Amino acid sequence: MKRVYVNLDKCLGCNGCMIACAVEQSSTGELFKAITETPLPVSLIEVTTANGGESFPLQCRHCEEPYCIDACIAGAIRKDPETGLVLSDEEKCVGCWMCVMTCPFGVIRVSLLPDKKGKIAVKCDLCQDRKIPACVEACYTGALLFGEVEDFIRAVNKSKEDRDVLLNSR
């Protein structure tokens, strides 16, 4: 199954992926219109910083055995048997936050409903309506890759080879 992988050596923490995700979640799909929406669109990816100062984006890992599904009392989270994606149904969510509490990666967000009647849990769905997730498409440094694990390993190895060639030519 295709997933989003992060090459930590390339992430600058620019937040371009977060902005692209929020725009994708907006009702207009356009940056300058999205910033005027009420409520503001929520990014389903978060750029965070590790203890060493390295930045990296966090998004749903679409786990093989997701704790969030078992924790969801409303049955709002399910795993698609065909794609392997862990998806949430905003209509079924009751805002109990059990999924938020059980996610070992802390990637499920709380979002205000457009009608302002309450809050629901939201999570990355890998932009299932797009060929390439918005965060990956917007990544200026190429730190995000959408593909199979073998594609990611090849890309990281090539990046290391290119860096070694550059360093040896000095």
N, C-alpha and C. Protein backbone atom coordinates (compact mmCIF):
# COMPACT_ATOMS: atom_id res chain seq x y z
N MET A 1 0.83 -1.18 0.00
CA MET A 1 0.00 0.00 0.00
C MET A 1 0.87 1.25 0.00
N LYS A 2 0.50 2.22 -0.79
CA LYS A 2 1.24 3.47 -0.84
C LYS A 2 1.01 4.27 0.44
N ARG A 3 2.08 4.90 0.92
CA ARG A 3 2.04 5.71 2.13
C ARG A 3 2.88 6.95 1.90
N VAL A 4 2.77 7.90 2.83
CA VAL A 4 3.62 9.09 2.81
C VAL A 4 4.83 8.79 3.69
N TYR A 5 6.02 8.95 3.12
CA TYR A 5 7.26 8.74 3.84
C TYR A 5 7.99 10.07 3.94
N VAL A 6 8.78 10.22 5.00
CA VAL A 6 9.48 11.47 5.25
C VAL A 6 10.98 11.23 5.25
N ASN A 7 11.70 11.98 4.41
CA ASN A 7 13.15 11.98 4.44
C ASN A 7 13.56 13.12 5.37
N LEU A 8 13.92 12.77 6.61
CA LEU A 8 14.21 13.78 7.62
C LEU A 8 15.38 14.68 7.25
N ASP A 9 16.28 14.18 6.40
CA ASP A 9 17.43 15.00 5.98
C ASP A 9 17.00 16.18 5.13
N LYS A 10 15.82 16.09 4.52
CA LYS A 10 15.38 17.14 3.60
C LYS A 10 14.35 18.10 4.20
N CYS A 11 13.71 17.75 5.31
CA CYS A 11 12.65 18.58 5.88
C CYS A 11 13.24 19.82 6.55
N LEU A 12 12.75 20.99 6.13
CA LEU A 12 13.21 22.26 6.69
C LEU A 12 12.24 22.83 7.71
N GLY A 13 11.08 22.21 7.85
CA GLY A 13 10.07 22.72 8.77
C GLY A 13 9.38 23.96 8.24
N CYS A 14 9.21 24.06 6.94
CA CYS A 14 8.64 25.26 6.31
C CYS A 14 7.12 25.35 6.47
N ASN A 15 6.48 24.25 6.84
CA ASN A 15 5.03 24.17 7.02
C ASN A 15 4.24 24.22 5.71
N GLY A 16 4.90 24.11 4.58
CA GLY A 16 4.19 24.09 3.29
C GLY A 16 3.21 22.94 3.21
N CYS A 17 3.57 21.79 3.79
CA CYS A 17 2.68 20.63 3.78
C CYS A 17 1.43 20.89 4.62
N MET A 18 1.59 21.58 5.75
CA MET A 18 0.45 21.91 6.60
C MET A 18 -0.51 22.86 5.89
N ILE A 19 0.05 23.85 5.24
CA ILE A 19 -0.77 24.82 4.53
C ILE A 19 -1.53 24.14 3.40
N ALA A 20 -0.84 23.31 2.63
CA ALA A 20 -1.48 22.59 1.52
C ALA A 20 -2.60 21.69 2.02
N CYS A 21 -2.38 21.04 3.15
CA CYS A 21 -3.40 20.16 3.73
C CYS A 21 -4.61 20.97 4.16
N ALA A 22 -4.39 22.08 4.84
CA ALA A 22 -5.50 22.92 5.29
C ALA A 22 -6.31 23.44 4.11
N VAL A 23 -5.62 23.86 3.05
CA VAL A 23 -6.32 24.34 1.86
C VAL A 23 -7.13 23.20 1.24
N GLU A 24 -6.56 22.01 1.22
CA GLU A 24 -7.27 20.84 0.68
C GLU A 24 -8.54 20.55 1.51
N GLN A 25 -8.49 20.80 2.81
CA GLN A 25 -9.64 20.57 3.69
C GLN A 25 -10.67 21.69 3.62
N SER A 26 -10.29 22.82 3.05
CA SER A 26 -11.19 23.98 3.01
C SER A 26 -12.35 23.74 2.05
N SER A 27 -13.38 24.55 2.19
CA SER A 27 -14.53 24.39 1.29
C SER A 27 -14.25 25.00 -0.08
N THR A 28 -13.34 25.98 -0.15
CA THR A 28 -13.05 26.63 -1.43
C THR A 28 -11.91 25.98 -2.19
N GLY A 29 -10.95 25.40 -1.47
CA GLY A 29 -9.79 24.80 -2.12
C GLY A 29 -8.79 25.82 -2.62
N GLU A 30 -8.95 27.08 -2.21
CA GLU A 30 -8.04 28.14 -2.62
C GLU A 30 -7.48 28.83 -1.38
N LEU A 31 -6.16 29.05 -1.35
CA LEU A 31 -5.50 29.58 -0.17
C LEU A 31 -6.10 30.89 0.31
N PHE A 32 -6.21 31.87 -0.55
CA PHE A 32 -6.64 33.20 -0.10
C PHE A 32 -8.12 33.25 0.28
N LYS A 33 -8.89 32.33 -0.23
CA LYS A 33 -10.29 32.24 0.20
C LYS A 33 -10.39 31.40 1.48
N ALA A 34 -9.55 30.39 1.60
CA ALA A 34 -9.59 29.50 2.75
C ALA A 34 -9.30 30.24 4.06
N ILE A 35 -8.42 31.24 4.01
CA ILE A 35 -8.06 31.95 5.25
C ILE A 35 -9.18 32.85 5.76
N THR A 36 -10.25 32.99 4.97
CA THR A 36 -11.39 33.79 5.42
C THR A 36 -12.58 32.92 5.83
N GLU A 37 -12.42 31.60 5.72
CA GLU A 37 -13.52 30.70 6.06
C GLU A 37 -13.73 30.64 7.58
N THR A 38 -14.97 30.39 7.97
CA THR A 38 -15.29 30.20 9.38
C THR A 38 -16.02 28.88 9.51
N PRO A 39 -15.49 27.96 10.30
CA PRO A 39 -14.20 28.01 10.95
C PRO A 39 -13.07 27.83 9.94
N LEU A 40 -11.87 28.18 10.38
CA LEU A 40 -10.70 28.01 9.51
C LEU A 40 -10.48 26.53 9.24
N PRO A 41 -10.05 26.18 8.05
CA PRO A 41 -9.79 24.76 7.76
C PRO A 41 -8.64 24.25 8.63
N VAL A 42 -8.71 22.98 8.97
CA VAL A 42 -7.72 22.35 9.85
C VAL A 42 -6.78 21.49 9.02
N SER A 43 -5.49 21.63 9.28
CA SER A 43 -4.52 20.74 8.64
C SER A 43 -4.56 19.40 9.34
N LEU A 44 -4.50 18.33 8.56
CA LEU A 44 -4.50 16.99 9.13
C LEU A 44 -3.08 16.45 9.26
N ILE A 45 -2.11 17.32 9.05
CA ILE A 45 -0.70 17.00 9.21
C ILE A 45 -0.13 18.11 10.09
N GLU A 46 0.85 17.76 10.91
CA GLU A 46 1.46 18.76 11.78
C GLU A 46 2.98 18.65 11.69
N VAL A 47 3.62 19.78 11.50
CA VAL A 47 5.08 19.79 11.50
C VAL A 47 5.51 20.05 12.93
N THR A 48 6.35 19.18 13.43
CA THR A 48 6.82 19.29 14.81
C THR A 48 8.35 19.25 14.84
N THR A 49 8.92 19.50 15.99
CA THR A 49 10.37 19.53 16.13
C THR A 49 10.81 18.50 17.16
N ALA A 50 11.84 17.74 16.83
CA ALA A 50 12.40 16.75 17.75
C ALA A 50 13.35 17.44 18.72
N ASN A 51 13.79 16.71 19.71
CA ASN A 51 14.70 17.27 20.72
C ASN A 51 15.97 17.86 20.13
N GLY A 52 16.45 17.28 19.06
CA GLY A 52 17.67 17.76 18.43
C GLY A 52 17.45 18.97 17.54
N GLY A 53 16.21 19.41 17.41
CA GLY A 53 15.90 20.57 16.58
C GLY A 53 15.47 20.24 15.17
N GLU A 54 15.48 18.94 14.81
CA GLU A 54 15.07 18.55 13.46
C GLU A 54 13.55 18.66 13.35
N SER A 55 13.10 19.18 12.22
CA SER A 55 11.66 19.28 11.96
C SER A 55 11.21 18.07 11.16
N PHE A 56 9.96 17.68 11.39
CA PHE A 56 9.39 16.61 10.60
C PHE A 56 7.87 16.67 10.67
N PRO A 57 7.21 16.29 9.57
CA PRO A 57 5.75 16.28 9.56
C PRO A 57 5.20 14.98 10.13
N LEU A 58 4.10 15.09 10.85
CA LEU A 58 3.40 13.93 11.40
C LEU A 58 2.03 13.84 10.75
N GLN A 59 1.68 12.65 10.25
CA GLN A 59 0.35 12.42 9.72
C GLN A 59 -0.02 10.98 10.03
N CYS A 60 -1.27 10.63 9.82
CA CYS A 60 -1.75 9.29 10.13
C CYS A 60 -0.90 8.24 9.41
N ARG A 61 -0.54 7.21 10.14
CA ARG A 61 0.28 6.13 9.59
C ARG A 61 -0.56 5.02 8.97
N HIS A 62 -1.87 5.10 9.10
CA HIS A 62 -2.77 4.07 8.58
C HIS A 62 -2.26 2.70 9.00
N CYS A 63 -2.20 2.53 10.32
CA CYS A 63 -1.63 1.34 10.96
C CYS A 63 -2.27 0.03 10.48
N GLU A 64 -1.48 -1.02 10.54
CA GLU A 64 -1.99 -2.35 10.21
C GLU A 64 -3.10 -2.75 11.19
N GLU A 65 -2.87 -2.51 12.48
CA GLU A 65 -3.85 -2.79 13.52
C GLU A 65 -4.10 -1.51 14.32
N PRO A 66 -4.95 -0.62 13.80
CA PRO A 66 -5.14 0.69 14.42
C PRO A 66 -5.92 0.66 15.73
N TYR A 67 -5.33 1.25 16.77
CA TYR A 67 -5.99 1.34 18.06
C TYR A 67 -7.22 2.23 17.99
N CYS A 68 -7.18 3.23 17.12
CA CYS A 68 -8.29 4.20 17.04
C CYS A 68 -9.60 3.53 16.66
N ILE A 69 -9.55 2.48 15.85
CA ILE A 69 -10.78 1.78 15.44
C ILE A 69 -11.42 1.11 16.65
N ASP A 70 -10.62 0.40 17.43
CA ASP A 70 -11.14 -0.28 18.61
C ASP A 70 -11.64 0.70 19.66
N ALA A 71 -11.03 1.87 19.73
CA ALA A 71 -11.39 2.86 20.75
C ALA A 71 -12.63 3.66 20.38
N CYS A 72 -12.99 3.70 19.12
CA CYS A 72 -14.11 4.54 18.67
C CYS A 72 -15.45 3.92 19.07
N ILE A 73 -16.12 4.56 20.03
CA ILE A 73 -17.38 4.01 20.54
C ILE A 73 -18.54 4.18 19.55
N ALA A 74 -18.38 5.11 18.62
CA ALA A 74 -19.46 5.40 17.66
C ALA A 74 -19.30 4.64 16.35
N GLY A 75 -18.20 3.95 16.18
CA GLY A 75 -17.95 3.26 14.92
C GLY A 75 -17.66 4.21 13.77
N ALA A 76 -17.12 5.38 14.10
CA ALA A 76 -16.84 6.39 13.08
C ALA A 76 -15.52 6.15 12.35
N ILE A 77 -14.68 5.28 12.87
CA ILE A 77 -13.39 5.02 12.23
C ILE A 77 -13.38 3.57 11.75
N ARG A 78 -12.96 3.39 10.51
CA ARG A 78 -12.93 2.05 9.92
C ARG A 78 -11.71 1.92 9.03
N LYS A 79 -11.38 0.70 8.72
CA LYS A 79 -10.27 0.43 7.80
C LYS A 79 -10.85 -0.09 6.49
N ASP A 80 -10.51 0.57 5.40
CA ASP A 80 -10.97 0.15 4.09
C ASP A 80 -10.25 -1.13 3.72
N PRO A 81 -10.98 -2.22 3.49
CA PRO A 81 -10.32 -3.50 3.20
C PRO A 81 -9.56 -3.51 1.88
N GLU A 82 -9.97 -2.69 0.93
CA GLU A 82 -9.30 -2.67 -0.37
C GLU A 82 -8.01 -1.85 -0.36
N THR A 83 -8.07 -0.66 0.23
CA THR A 83 -6.92 0.25 0.20
C THR A 83 -6.04 0.18 1.44
N GLY A 84 -6.58 -0.32 2.54
CA GLY A 84 -5.84 -0.35 3.80
C GLY A 84 -5.86 0.98 4.52
N LEU A 85 -6.58 1.97 3.97
CA LEU A 85 -6.65 3.29 4.61
C LEU A 85 -7.54 3.23 5.85
N VAL A 86 -7.12 3.93 6.89
CA VAL A 86 -7.93 4.08 8.10
C VAL A 86 -8.68 5.40 7.93
N LEU A 87 -10.01 5.31 7.80
CA LEU A 87 -10.83 6.46 7.45
C LEU A 87 -11.80 6.80 8.58
N SER A 88 -12.12 8.08 8.69
CA SER A 88 -13.09 8.50 9.71
C SER A 88 -14.33 9.08 9.02
N ASP A 89 -15.47 8.85 9.64
CA ASP A 89 -16.75 9.33 9.14
C ASP A 89 -17.21 10.45 10.06
N GLU A 90 -17.13 11.69 9.57
CA GLU A 90 -17.48 12.86 10.38
C GLU A 90 -18.93 12.83 10.83
N GLU A 91 -19.79 12.22 10.06
CA GLU A 91 -21.22 12.15 10.41
C GLU A 91 -21.45 11.29 11.64
N LYS A 92 -20.63 10.25 11.83
CA LYS A 92 -20.81 9.34 12.96
C LYS A 92 -20.06 9.77 14.22
N CYS A 93 -19.07 10.63 14.07
CA CYS A 93 -18.24 11.03 15.21
C CYS A 93 -19.07 11.76 16.27
N VAL A 94 -18.91 11.34 17.53
CA VAL A 94 -19.65 11.96 18.63
C VAL A 94 -18.75 12.85 19.49
N GLY A 95 -17.48 12.98 19.10
CA GLY A 95 -16.57 13.86 19.84
C GLY A 95 -16.18 13.34 21.20
N CYS A 96 -16.00 12.04 21.35
CA CYS A 96 -15.62 11.47 22.65
C CYS A 96 -14.10 11.53 22.88
N TRP A 97 -13.32 11.68 21.80
CA TRP A 97 -11.86 11.82 21.79
C TRP A 97 -11.11 10.54 22.19
N MET A 98 -11.79 9.41 22.23
CA MET A 98 -11.10 8.16 22.55
C MET A 98 -10.03 7.85 21.50
N CYS A 99 -10.32 8.14 20.23
CA CYS A 99 -9.33 7.90 19.17
C CYS A 99 -8.12 8.79 19.37
N VAL A 100 -8.35 10.03 19.78
CA VAL A 100 -7.25 10.97 20.03
C VAL A 100 -6.36 10.43 21.14
N MET A 101 -6.99 9.91 22.19
CA MET A 101 -6.23 9.43 23.35
C MET A 101 -5.47 8.14 23.06
N THR A 102 -5.97 7.30 22.16
CA THR A 102 -5.32 6.01 21.94
C THR A 102 -4.31 6.01 20.80
N CYS A 103 -4.32 7.02 19.95
CA CYS A 103 -3.38 7.05 18.83
C CYS A 103 -1.96 7.20 19.37
N PRO A 104 -1.10 6.21 19.12
CA PRO A 104 0.27 6.29 19.66
C PRO A 104 1.13 7.37 18.99
N PHE A 105 0.66 7.92 17.88
CA PHE A 105 1.45 8.92 17.16
C PHE A 105 0.92 10.33 17.34
N GLY A 106 -0.23 10.48 17.99
CA GLY A 106 -0.80 11.80 18.24
C GLY A 106 -1.18 12.56 16.99
N VAL A 107 -1.73 11.86 16.01
CA VAL A 107 -2.01 12.49 14.72
C VAL A 107 -3.48 12.73 14.43
N ILE A 108 -4.36 12.39 15.36
CA ILE A 108 -5.78 12.66 15.17
C ILE A 108 -6.07 14.03 15.77
N ARG A 109 -6.72 14.89 15.00
CA ARG A 109 -6.96 16.28 15.39
C ARG A 109 -8.42 16.50 15.79
N VAL A 110 -8.65 17.59 16.50
CA VAL A 110 -9.99 18.01 16.86
C VAL A 110 -10.34 19.19 15.96
N SER A 111 -11.51 19.14 15.36
CA SER A 111 -11.93 20.18 14.43
C SER A 111 -13.33 20.66 14.76
N LEU A 112 -13.54 21.96 14.63
CA LEU A 112 -14.86 22.54 14.82
C LEU A 112 -15.71 22.24 13.59
N LEU A 113 -16.92 21.78 13.81
CA LEU A 113 -17.85 21.53 12.70
C LEU A 113 -18.22 22.86 12.05
N PRO A 114 -18.42 22.87 10.74
CA PRO A 114 -18.78 24.12 10.05
C PRO A 114 -20.02 24.81 10.63
N ASP A 115 -20.97 24.02 11.14
CA ASP A 115 -22.19 24.64 11.69
C ASP A 115 -22.00 25.09 13.15
N LYS A 116 -20.79 24.92 13.69
CA LYS A 116 -20.42 25.34 15.04
C LYS A 116 -21.23 24.66 16.14
N LYS A 117 -21.82 23.50 15.84
CA LYS A 117 -22.59 22.78 16.86
C LYS A 117 -21.71 21.90 17.73
N GLY A 118 -20.46 21.74 17.38
CA GLY A 118 -19.59 20.89 18.17
C GLY A 118 -18.28 20.62 17.46
N LYS A 119 -17.51 19.74 18.07
CA LYS A 119 -16.21 19.39 17.52
C LYS A 119 -16.17 17.90 17.22
N ILE A 120 -15.37 17.56 16.22
CA ILE A 120 -15.22 16.17 15.82
C ILE A 120 -13.73 15.84 15.68
N ALA A 121 -13.44 14.56 15.67
CA ALA A 121 -12.07 14.10 15.45
C ALA A 121 -11.86 13.94 13.95
N VAL A 122 -10.72 14.43 13.45
CA VAL A 122 -10.39 14.30 12.03
C VAL A 122 -8.97 13.77 11.90
N LYS A 123 -8.72 13.09 10.79
CA LYS A 123 -7.39 12.52 10.56
C LYS A 123 -7.10 12.45 9.07
N CYS A 124 -5.86 12.29 8.75
CA CYS A 124 -5.40 12.20 7.36
C CYS A 124 -6.06 11.01 6.66
N ASP A 125 -6.53 11.26 5.44
CA ASP A 125 -7.08 10.17 4.63
C ASP A 125 -6.24 9.97 3.36
N LEU A 126 -5.02 10.51 3.38
CA LEU A 126 -4.10 10.45 2.24
C LEU A 126 -4.71 11.07 0.99
N CYS A 127 -5.59 12.06 1.19
CA CYS A 127 -6.23 12.75 0.07
C CYS A 127 -6.73 11.73 -0.95
N GLN A 128 -7.58 10.84 -0.49
CA GLN A 128 -8.02 9.72 -1.33
C GLN A 128 -8.69 10.13 -2.63
N ASP A 129 -9.09 11.39 -2.75
CA ASP A 129 -9.69 11.85 -4.01
C ASP A 129 -8.64 12.38 -4.98
N ARG A 130 -7.38 12.36 -4.56
CA ARG A 130 -6.29 12.86 -5.40
C ARG A 130 -5.33 11.73 -5.72
N LYS A 131 -4.57 11.89 -6.79
CA LYS A 131 -3.57 10.89 -7.14
C LYS A 131 -2.38 10.96 -6.18
N ILE A 132 -1.98 12.19 -5.83
CA ILE A 132 -0.88 12.42 -4.90
C ILE A 132 -1.41 13.32 -3.79
N PRO A 133 -1.17 12.97 -2.51
CA PRO A 133 -1.65 13.81 -1.41
C PRO A 133 -1.12 15.25 -1.52
N ALA A 134 -1.95 16.20 -1.09
CA ALA A 134 -1.62 17.62 -1.20
C ALA A 134 -0.31 17.95 -0.48
N CYS A 135 -0.07 17.31 0.66
CA CYS A 135 1.16 17.61 1.41
C CYS A 135 2.40 17.22 0.62
N VAL A 136 2.35 16.09 -0.06
CA VAL A 136 3.49 15.61 -0.85
C VAL A 136 3.70 16.52 -2.05
N GLU A 137 2.62 16.87 -2.71
CA GLU A 137 2.70 17.73 -3.88
C GLU A 137 3.28 19.10 -3.53
N ALA A 138 3.00 19.58 -2.32
CA ALA A 138 3.43 20.92 -1.92
C ALA A 138 4.81 20.96 -1.29
N CYS A 139 5.41 19.81 -1.02
CA CYS A 139 6.70 19.78 -0.33
C CYS A 139 7.81 20.33 -1.23
N TYR A 140 8.30 21.51 -0.87
CA TYR A 140 9.27 22.23 -1.70
C TYR A 140 10.64 21.55 -1.76
N THR A 141 10.98 20.80 -0.72
CA THR A 141 12.32 20.19 -0.67
C THR A 141 12.34 18.74 -1.10
N GLY A 142 11.17 18.16 -1.34
CA GLY A 142 11.11 16.75 -1.70
C GLY A 142 11.28 15.84 -0.50
N ALA A 143 11.03 16.36 0.70
CA ALA A 143 11.17 15.56 1.91
C ALA A 143 10.05 14.52 2.04
N LEU A 144 8.91 14.80 1.42
CA LEU A 144 7.79 13.86 1.47
C LEU A 144 7.71 13.09 0.17
N LEU A 145 7.51 11.79 0.29
CA LEU A 145 7.39 10.91 -0.86
C LEU A 145 6.16 10.04 -0.68
N PHE A 146 5.36 9.92 -1.72
CA PHE A 146 4.19 9.06 -1.69
C PHE A 146 4.48 7.86 -2.56
N GLY A 147 4.52 6.69 -1.94
CA GLY A 147 4.80 5.48 -2.69
C GLY A 147 4.91 4.28 -1.77
N GLU A 148 5.42 3.22 -2.33
CA GLU A 148 5.66 1.99 -1.57
C GLU A 148 6.96 2.15 -0.79
N VAL A 149 7.15 1.33 0.22
CA VAL A 149 8.35 1.44 1.06
C VAL A 149 9.62 1.26 0.22
N GLU A 150 9.57 0.43 -0.80
CA GLU A 150 10.75 0.21 -1.64
C GLU A 150 11.13 1.49 -2.40
N ASP A 151 10.11 2.26 -2.84
CA ASP A 151 10.36 3.53 -3.52
C ASP A 151 11.08 4.50 -2.59
N PHE A 152 10.66 4.53 -1.33
CA PHE A 152 11.26 5.43 -0.35
C PHE A 152 12.71 5.04 -0.08
N ILE A 153 12.96 3.76 0.11
CA ILE A 153 14.33 3.29 0.38
C ILE A 153 15.25 3.63 -0.78
N ARG A 154 14.77 3.43 -2.01
CA ARG A 154 15.56 3.79 -3.20
C ARG A 154 15.86 5.29 -3.22
N ALA A 155 14.86 6.11 -2.93
CA ALA A 155 15.03 7.57 -2.97
C ALA A 155 16.03 8.03 -1.91
N VAL A 156 15.96 7.47 -0.71
CA VAL A 156 16.90 7.86 0.36
C VAL A 156 18.31 7.42 0.01
N ASN A 157 18.47 6.21 -0.51
CA ASN A 157 19.79 5.73 -0.90
C ASN A 157 20.39 6.58 -2.01
N LYS A 158 19.56 6.96 -3.00
CA LYS A 158 20.04 7.81 -4.08
C LYS A 158 20.45 9.17 -3.53
N SER A 159 19.69 9.71 -2.61
CA SER A 159 20.01 10.99 -2.00
C SER A 159 21.35 10.92 -1.28
N LYS A 160 21.60 9.82 -0.58
CA LYS A 160 22.88 9.65 0.13
C LYS A 160 24.03 9.50 -0.85
N GLU A 161 23.80 8.77 -1.95
CA GLU A 161 24.83 8.61 -2.97
C GLU A 161 25.17 9.96 -3.59
N ASP A 162 24.14 10.76 -3.91
CA ASP A 162 24.35 12.08 -4.49
C ASP A 162 25.14 12.98 -3.54
N ARG A 163 24.82 12.91 -2.24
CA ARG A 163 25.52 13.71 -1.25
C ARG A 163 27.00 13.30 -1.15
N ASP A 164 27.24 11.98 -1.18
CA ASP A 164 28.62 11.48 -1.11
C ASP A 164 29.43 11.94 -2.33
N VAL A 165 28.82 11.90 -3.51
CA VAL A 165 29.51 12.36 -4.73
C VAL A 165 29.84 13.84 -4.60
N LEU A 166 28.92 14.61 -4.12
CA LEU A 166 29.14 16.06 -3.93
C LEU A 166 30.27 16.31 -2.94
N LEU A 167 30.27 15.61 -1.82
CA LEU A 167 31.31 15.81 -0.81
C LEU A 167 32.69 15.36 -1.30
N ASN A 168 32.74 14.28 -2.07
CA ASN A 168 34.01 13.76 -2.57
C ASN A 168 34.58 14.62 -3.70
N SER A 169 33.73 15.44 -4.34
CA SER A 169 34.23 16.28 -5.44
C SER A 169 34.83 17.58 -4.96
N ARG A 170 34.76 17.83 -3.68
CA ARG A 170 35.31 19.11 -3.14
C ARG A 170 36.79 19.03 -2.90
